[in-house]
Full PDB file with SEQRES, HELIX, SHEET, SSBOND, CRYST1, ORIGX, SCALE, CONECT and MASTER records, all heavy atoms in Angstrom:
SEQRES   1 A   31  PHE SER GLY ASN PHE LEU GLY ASP ALA THR TYR ALA GLY          
SEQRES   2 A   31  ASP ALA THR GLY THR VAL THR THR GLY ALA ILE LEU GLY          
SEQRES   3 A   31  ASN SER THR GLY GLU                                          
SHEET    1 AA1 2 ALA A  15  THR A  18  0                                        
SHEET    2 AA1 2 GLY A  22  LEU A  25 -1                                        
CRYST1    1.000    1.000    1.000  90.00  90.00  90.00 P 1           1          
ORIGX1      1.000000  0.000000  0.000000        0.00000                         
ORIGX2      0.000000  1.000000  0.000000        0.00000                         
ORIGX3      0.000000  0.000000  1.000000        0.00000                         
SCALE1      1.000000  0.000000  0.000000        0.00000                         
SCALE2      0.000000  1.000000  0.000000        0.00000                         
SCALE3      0.000000  0.000000  1.000000        0.00000                         
ATOM      1  N   PHE A   1      20.793 -86.290 -66.578  1.00  0.00           N  
ATOM      2  CA  PHE A   1      20.586 -84.988 -67.211  1.00  0.00           C  
ATOM      3  C   PHE A   1      21.790 -84.082 -66.942  1.00  0.00           C  
ATOM      4  O   PHE A   1      22.318 -84.047 -65.829  1.00  0.00           O  
ATOM      5  CB  PHE A   1      19.347 -84.299 -66.635  1.00  0.00           C  
ATOM      6  CG  PHE A   1      18.045 -84.839 -67.131  1.00  0.00           C  
ATOM      7  CD1 PHE A   1      17.397 -85.853 -66.441  1.00  0.00           C  
ATOM      8  CD2 PHE A   1      17.459 -84.334 -68.277  1.00  0.00           C  
ATOM      9  CE1 PHE A   1      16.177 -86.340 -66.881  1.00  0.00           C  
ATOM     10  CE2 PHE A   1      16.237 -84.815 -68.726  1.00  0.00           C  
ATOM     11  CZ  PHE A   1      15.598 -85.820 -68.029  1.00  0.00           C  
ATOM     12  N   SER A   2      22.228 -83.353 -67.951  1.00  0.00           N  
ATOM     13  CA  SER A   2      23.249 -82.322 -67.747  1.00  0.00           C  
ATOM     14  C   SER A   2      22.910 -81.125 -68.618  1.00  0.00           C  
ATOM     15  O   SER A   2      22.380 -81.265 -69.721  1.00  0.00           O  
ATOM     16  CB  SER A   2      24.646 -82.856 -68.066  1.00  0.00           C  
ATOM     17  OG  SER A   2      24.780 -83.087 -69.444  1.00  0.00           O  
ATOM     18  N   GLY A   3      23.180 -79.926 -68.089  1.00  0.00           N  
ATOM     19  CA  GLY A   3      22.874 -78.692 -68.793  1.00  0.00           C  
ATOM     20  C   GLY A   3      22.393 -77.645 -67.813  1.00  0.00           C  
ATOM     21  O   GLY A   3      22.278 -77.898 -66.618  1.00  0.00           O  
ATOM     22  N   ASN A   4      22.085 -76.471 -68.308  1.00  0.00           N  
ATOM     23  CA  ASN A   4      21.671 -75.342 -67.477  1.00  0.00           C  
ATOM     24  C   ASN A   4      20.146 -75.303 -67.384  1.00  0.00           C  
ATOM     25  O   ASN A   4      19.485 -74.551 -68.105  1.00  0.00           O  
ATOM     26  CB  ASN A   4      22.231 -74.038 -68.055  1.00  0.00           C  
ATOM     27  CG  ASN A   4      22.080 -72.882 -67.094  1.00  0.00           C  
ATOM     28  OD1 ASN A   4      21.626 -73.041 -65.969  1.00  0.00           O  
ATOM     29  ND2 ASN A   4      22.455 -71.702 -67.548  1.00  0.00           N  
ATOM     30  N   PHE A   5      19.595 -76.126 -66.482  1.00  0.00           N  
ATOM     31  CA  PHE A   5      18.148 -76.212 -66.312  1.00  0.00           C  
ATOM     32  C   PHE A   5      17.671 -75.183 -65.296  1.00  0.00           C  
ATOM     33  O   PHE A   5      18.391 -74.828 -64.370  1.00  0.00           O  
ATOM     34  CB  PHE A   5      17.748 -77.619 -65.872  1.00  0.00           C  
ATOM     35  CG  PHE A   5      18.070 -78.671 -66.890  1.00  0.00           C  
ATOM     36  CD1 PHE A   5      19.168 -79.495 -66.741  1.00  0.00           C  
ATOM     37  CD2 PHE A   5      17.283 -78.819 -68.020  1.00  0.00           C  
ATOM     38  CE1 PHE A   5      19.477 -80.465 -67.675  1.00  0.00           C  
ATOM     39  CE2 PHE A   5      17.575 -79.783 -68.969  1.00  0.00           C  
ATOM     40  CZ  PHE A   5      18.675 -80.602 -68.802  1.00  0.00           C  
ATOM     41  N   LEU A   6      16.431 -74.731 -65.460  1.00  0.00           N  
ATOM     42  CA  LEU A   6      15.849 -73.706 -64.588  1.00  0.00           C  
ATOM     43  C   LEU A   6      14.633 -74.253 -63.850  1.00  0.00           C  
ATOM     44  O   LEU A   6      13.739 -74.830 -64.465  1.00  0.00           O  
ATOM     45  CB  LEU A   6      15.392 -72.500 -65.407  1.00  0.00           C  
ATOM     46  CG  LEU A   6      16.442 -71.750 -66.211  1.00  0.00           C  
ATOM     47  CD1 LEU A   6      15.764 -70.738 -67.122  1.00  0.00           C  
ATOM     48  CD2 LEU A   6      17.401 -71.052 -65.276  1.00  0.00           C  
ATOM     49  N   GLY A   7      14.575 -74.051 -62.543  1.00  0.00           N  
ATOM     50  CA  GLY A   7      13.368 -74.344 -61.768  1.00  0.00           C  
ATOM     51  C   GLY A   7      12.914 -75.785 -61.841  1.00  0.00           C  
ATOM     52  O   GLY A   7      13.675 -76.702 -62.156  1.00  0.00           O  
ATOM     53  N   ASP A   8      11.635 -75.959 -61.531  1.00  0.00           N  
ATOM     54  CA  ASP A   8      11.034 -77.284 -61.484  1.00  0.00           C  
ATOM     55  C   ASP A   8      10.397 -77.643 -62.827  1.00  0.00           C  
ATOM     56  O   ASP A   8      10.003 -76.766 -63.592  1.00  0.00           O  
ATOM     57  CB  ASP A   8       9.967 -77.346 -60.395  1.00  0.00           C  
ATOM     58  CG  ASP A   8      10.555 -77.179 -59.000  1.00  0.00           C  
ATOM     59  OD1 ASP A   8      11.722 -77.576 -58.807  1.00  0.00           O  
ATOM     60  OD2 ASP A   8       9.855 -76.642 -58.122  1.00  0.00           O  
ATOM     61  N   ALA A   9      10.263 -78.927 -63.050  1.00  0.00           N  
ATOM     62  CA  ALA A   9       9.607 -79.413 -64.268  1.00  0.00           C  
ATOM     63  C   ALA A   9       8.098 -79.307 -64.116  1.00  0.00           C  
ATOM     64  O   ALA A   9       7.569 -79.230 -62.999  1.00  0.00           O  
ATOM     65  CB  ALA A   9      10.012 -80.860 -64.523  1.00  0.00           C  
ATOM     66  N   THR A  10       7.410 -79.305 -65.234  1.00  0.00           N  
ATOM     67  CA  THR A  10       5.955 -79.413 -65.235  1.00  0.00           C  
ATOM     68  C   THR A  10       5.595 -80.742 -65.898  1.00  0.00           C  
ATOM     69  O   THR A  10       6.352 -81.267 -66.711  1.00  0.00           O  
ATOM     70  CB  THR A  10       5.287 -78.241 -65.985  1.00  0.00           C  
ATOM     71  OG1 THR A  10       5.786 -78.208 -67.326  1.00  0.00           O  
ATOM     72  CG2 THR A  10       5.584 -76.919 -65.293  1.00  0.00           C  
ATOM     73  N   TYR A  11       4.433 -81.268 -65.544  1.00  0.00           N  
ATOM     74  CA  TYR A  11       4.045 -82.604 -65.979  1.00  0.00           C  
ATOM     75  C   TYR A  11       2.663 -82.590 -66.602  1.00  0.00           C  
ATOM     76  O   TYR A  11       1.811 -81.801 -66.229  1.00  0.00           O  
ATOM     77  CB  TYR A  11       4.015 -83.576 -64.796  1.00  0.00           C  
ATOM     78  CG  TYR A  11       5.220 -83.510 -63.910  1.00  0.00           C  
ATOM     79  CD1 TYR A  11       5.184 -82.827 -62.703  1.00  0.00           C  
ATOM     80  CD2 TYR A  11       6.406 -84.127 -64.281  1.00  0.00           C  
ATOM     81  CE1 TYR A  11       6.293 -82.760 -61.880  1.00  0.00           C  
ATOM     82  CE2 TYR A  11       7.527 -84.070 -63.466  1.00  0.00           C  
ATOM     83  CZ  TYR A  11       7.460 -83.384 -62.266  1.00  0.00           C  
ATOM     84  OH  TYR A  11       8.563 -83.318 -61.460  1.00  0.00           O  
ATOM     85  N   ALA A  12       2.449 -83.515 -67.510  1.00  0.00           N  
ATOM     86  CA  ALA A  12       1.120 -83.796 -68.049  1.00  0.00           C  
ATOM     87  C   ALA A  12       0.986 -85.311 -68.115  1.00  0.00           C  
ATOM     88  O   ALA A  12       1.905 -86.004 -68.558  1.00  0.00           O  
ATOM     89  CB  ALA A  12       0.943 -83.180 -69.423  1.00  0.00           C  
ATOM     90  N   GLY A  13      -0.128 -85.827 -67.652  1.00  0.00           N  
ATOM     91  CA  GLY A  13      -0.372 -87.266 -67.715  1.00  0.00           C  
ATOM     92  C   GLY A  13       0.506 -88.061 -66.766  1.00  0.00           C  
ATOM     93  O   GLY A  13       0.745 -87.657 -65.628  1.00  0.00           O  
ATOM     94  N   ASP A  14       1.022 -89.165 -67.251  1.00  0.00           N  
ATOM     95  CA  ASP A  14       1.787 -90.123 -66.457  1.00  0.00           C  
ATOM     96  C   ASP A  14       3.276 -89.771 -66.486  1.00  0.00           C  
ATOM     97  O   ASP A  14       4.071 -90.432 -67.146  1.00  0.00           O  
ATOM     98  CB  ASP A  14       1.538 -91.525 -67.013  1.00  0.00           C  
ATOM     99  CG  ASP A  14       2.092 -92.629 -66.119  1.00  0.00           C  
ATOM    100  OD1 ASP A  14       2.574 -92.317 -65.019  1.00  0.00           O  
ATOM    101  OD2 ASP A  14       2.026 -93.792 -66.538  1.00  0.00           O  
ATOM    102  N   ALA A  15       3.662 -88.694 -65.773  1.00  0.00           N  
ATOM    103  CA  ALA A  15       5.056 -88.238 -65.750  1.00  0.00           C  
ATOM    104  C   ALA A  15       5.421 -87.830 -64.326  1.00  0.00           C  
ATOM    105  O   ALA A  15       4.624 -87.194 -63.635  1.00  0.00           O  
ATOM    106  CB  ALA A  15       5.246 -87.061 -66.696  1.00  0.00           C  
ATOM    107  N   THR A  16       6.631 -88.199 -63.892  1.00  0.00           N  
ATOM    108  CA  THR A  16       7.114 -87.840 -62.562  1.00  0.00           C  
ATOM    109  C   THR A  16       8.618 -87.627 -62.616  1.00  0.00           C  
ATOM    110  O   THR A  16       9.277 -88.005 -63.581  1.00  0.00           O  
ATOM    111  CB  THR A  16       6.828 -88.950 -61.524  1.00  0.00           C  
ATOM    112  OG1 THR A  16       7.509 -90.145 -61.941  1.00  0.00           O  
ATOM    113  CG2 THR A  16       5.350 -89.228 -61.376  1.00  0.00           C  
ATOM    114  N   GLY A  17       9.180 -87.045 -61.532  1.00  0.00           N  
ATOM    115  CA  GLY A  17      10.618 -86.936 -61.387  1.00  0.00           C  
ATOM    116  C   GLY A  17      11.152 -85.545 -61.647  1.00  0.00           C  
ATOM    117  O   GLY A  17      10.398 -84.595 -61.891  1.00  0.00           O  
ATOM    118  N   THR A  18      12.484 -85.450 -61.585  1.00  0.00           N  
ATOM    119  CA  THR A  18      13.177 -84.184 -61.808  1.00  0.00           C  
ATOM    120  C   THR A  18      14.430 -84.458 -62.633  1.00  0.00           C  
ATOM    121  O   THR A  18      14.845 -85.609 -62.781  1.00  0.00           O  
ATOM    122  CB  THR A  18      13.607 -83.530 -60.479  1.00  0.00           C  
ATOM    123  OG1 THR A  18      14.620 -84.347 -59.868  1.00  0.00           O  
ATOM    124  CG2 THR A  18      12.440 -83.366 -59.519  1.00  0.00           C  
ATOM    125  N   VAL A  19      15.067 -83.383 -63.111  1.00  0.00           N  
ATOM    126  CA  VAL A  19      16.322 -83.563 -63.838  1.00  0.00           C  
ATOM    127  C   VAL A  19      17.443 -83.984 -62.880  1.00  0.00           C  
ATOM    128  O   VAL A  19      18.433 -84.562 -63.309  1.00  0.00           O  
ATOM    129  CB  VAL A  19      16.723 -82.292 -64.619  1.00  0.00           C  
ATOM    130  CG1 VAL A  19      15.750 -82.029 -65.749  1.00  0.00           C  
ATOM    131  CG2 VAL A  19      16.859 -81.088 -63.720  1.00  0.00           C  
ATOM    132  N   THR A  20      17.292 -83.725 -61.600  1.00  0.00           N  
ATOM    133  CA  THR A  20      18.302 -84.105 -60.608  1.00  0.00           C  
ATOM    134  C   THR A  20      18.226 -85.586 -60.264  1.00  0.00           C  
ATOM    135  O   THR A  20      19.244 -86.281 -60.225  1.00  0.00           O  
ATOM    136  CB  THR A  20      18.134 -83.266 -59.318  1.00  0.00           C  
ATOM    137  OG1 THR A  20      18.167 -81.889 -59.660  1.00  0.00           O  
ATOM    138  CG2 THR A  20      19.231 -83.575 -58.327  1.00  0.00           C  
ATOM    139  N   THR A  21      17.017 -86.083 -60.025  1.00  0.00           N  
ATOM    140  CA  THR A  21      16.839 -87.471 -59.594  1.00  0.00           C  
ATOM    141  C   THR A  21      16.509 -88.421 -60.735  1.00  0.00           C  
ATOM    142  O   THR A  21      16.531 -89.629 -60.559  1.00  0.00           O  
ATOM    143  CB  THR A  21      15.720 -87.559 -58.554  1.00  0.00           C  
ATOM    144  OG1 THR A  21      14.490 -87.117 -59.147  1.00  0.00           O  
ATOM    145  CG2 THR A  21      16.033 -86.720 -57.330  1.00  0.00           C  
ATOM    146  N   GLY A  22      16.171 -87.876 -61.893  1.00  0.00           N  
ATOM    147  CA  GLY A  22      15.724 -88.693 -63.014  1.00  0.00           C  
ATOM    148  C   GLY A  22      14.214 -88.622 -63.133  1.00  0.00           C  
ATOM    149  O   GLY A  22      13.512 -88.299 -62.168  1.00  0.00           O  
ATOM    150  N   ALA A  23      13.707 -88.882 -64.302  1.00  0.00           N  
ATOM    151  CA  ALA A  23      12.268 -88.782 -64.554  1.00  0.00           C  
ATOM    152  C   ALA A  23      11.757 -90.066 -65.175  1.00  0.00           C  
ATOM    153  O   ALA A  23      12.510 -90.824 -65.793  1.00  0.00           O  
ATOM    154  CB  ALA A  23      11.987 -87.598 -65.477  1.00  0.00           C  
ATOM    155  N   ILE A  24      10.461 -90.288 -64.998  1.00  0.00           N  
ATOM    156  CA  ILE A  24       9.799 -91.462 -65.568  1.00  0.00           C  
ATOM    157  C   ILE A  24       8.563 -90.996 -66.315  1.00  0.00           C  
ATOM    158  O   ILE A  24       7.757 -90.232 -65.797  1.00  0.00           O  
ATOM    159  CB  ILE A  24       9.407 -92.468 -64.472  1.00  0.00           C  
ATOM    160  CG1 ILE A  24      10.657 -93.004 -63.773  1.00  0.00           C  
ATOM    161  CG2 ILE A  24       8.587 -93.605 -65.065  1.00  0.00           C  
ATOM    162  CD1 ILE A  24      10.375 -93.905 -62.599  1.00  0.00           C  
ATOM    163  N   LEU A  25       8.446 -91.452 -67.551  1.00  0.00           N  
ATOM    164  CA  LEU A  25       7.262 -91.198 -68.365  1.00  0.00           C  
ATOM    165  C   LEU A  25       6.586 -92.532 -68.652  1.00  0.00           C  
ATOM    166  O   LEU A  25       7.206 -93.435 -69.208  1.00  0.00           O  
ATOM    167  CB  LEU A  25       7.641 -90.542 -69.690  1.00  0.00           C  
ATOM    168  CG  LEU A  25       8.001 -89.067 -69.672  1.00  0.00           C  
ATOM    169  CD1 LEU A  25       8.648 -88.668 -70.991  1.00  0.00           C  
ATOM    170  CD2 LEU A  25       6.775 -88.232 -69.415  1.00  0.00           C  
ATOM    171  N   GLY A  26       5.343 -92.660 -68.234  1.00  0.00           N  
ATOM    172  CA  GLY A  26       4.565 -93.846 -68.581  1.00  0.00           C  
ATOM    173  C   GLY A  26       3.674 -93.532 -69.763  1.00  0.00           C  
ATOM    174  O   GLY A  26       3.619 -92.389 -70.231  1.00  0.00           O  
ATOM    175  N   ASN A  27       2.959 -94.519 -70.240  1.00  0.00           N  
ATOM    176  CA  ASN A  27       2.025 -94.275 -71.342  1.00  0.00           C  
ATOM    177  C   ASN A  27       0.624 -94.747 -70.988  1.00  0.00           C  
ATOM    178  O   ASN A  27      -0.130 -95.179 -71.837  1.00  0.00           O  
ATOM    179  CB  ASN A  27       2.516 -94.916 -72.639  1.00  0.00           C  
ATOM    180  CG  ASN A  27       2.511 -96.430 -72.574  1.00  0.00           C  
ATOM    181  OD1 ASN A  27       2.347 -97.013 -71.506  1.00  0.00           O  
ATOM    182  ND2 ASN A  27       2.697 -97.070 -73.702  1.00  0.00           N  
ATOM    183  N   SER A  28       0.273 -94.647 -69.685  1.00  0.00           N  
ATOM    184  CA  SER A  28      -1.033 -95.118 -69.256  1.00  0.00           C  
ATOM    185  C   SER A  28      -2.159 -94.157 -69.626  1.00  0.00           C  
ATOM    186  O   SER A  28      -3.323 -94.523 -69.583  1.00  0.00           O  
ATOM    187  CB  SER A  28      -1.033 -95.355 -67.737  1.00  0.00           C  
ATOM    188  OG  SER A  28      -0.780 -94.141 -67.054  1.00  0.00           O  
ATOM    189  N   THR A  29      -1.802 -92.907 -69.969  1.00  0.00           N  
ATOM    190  CA  THR A  29      -2.814 -91.963 -70.437  1.00  0.00           C  
ATOM    191  C   THR A  29      -2.456 -91.552 -71.867  1.00  0.00           C  
ATOM    192  O   THR A  29      -1.370 -91.856 -72.351  1.00  0.00           O  
ATOM    193  CB  THR A  29      -2.869 -90.708 -69.533  1.00  0.00           C  
ATOM    194  OG1 THR A  29      -1.613 -90.029 -69.616  1.00  0.00           O  
ATOM    195  CG2 THR A  29      -3.153 -91.080 -68.094  1.00  0.00           C  
ATOM    196  N   GLY A  30      -3.332 -90.829 -72.524  1.00  0.00           N  
ATOM    197  CA  GLY A  30      -3.101 -90.453 -73.921  1.00  0.00           C  
ATOM    198  C   GLY A  30      -1.970 -89.468 -74.117  1.00  0.00           C  
ATOM    199  O   GLY A  30      -1.198 -89.570 -75.052  1.00  0.00           O  
ATOM    200  N   GLU A  31      -1.848 -88.467 -73.238  1.00  0.00           N  
ATOM    201  CA  GLU A  31      -0.839 -87.421 -73.380  1.00  0.00           C  
ATOM    202  C   GLU A  31       0.057 -87.418 -72.149  1.00  0.00           C  
ATOM    203  O   GLU A  31      -0.414 -87.139 -71.042  1.00  0.00           O  
ATOM    204  CB  GLU A  31      -1.507 -86.050 -73.538  1.00  0.00           C  
ATOM    205  CG  GLU A  31      -2.392 -85.935 -74.766  1.00  0.00           C  
ATOM    206  CD  GLU A  31      -1.585 -85.869 -76.048  1.00  0.00           C  
ATOM    207  OE1 GLU A  31      -0.522 -85.231 -76.045  1.00  0.00           O  
ATOM    208  OE2 GLU A  31      -2.006 -86.475 -77.050  1.00  0.00           O  
TER     209      GLU A  31                                                      
MASTER        0    0    0    0    2    0    0    6  208    1    0    3          
END                                                                             
């Protein structure tokens, strides 16, 4: 990730990570 990001990320469902360390999105839930 590169750009002027603000604060922490928010998540819904199967999502983890940050713009600094990288993020993972699964599809184990509907959203």
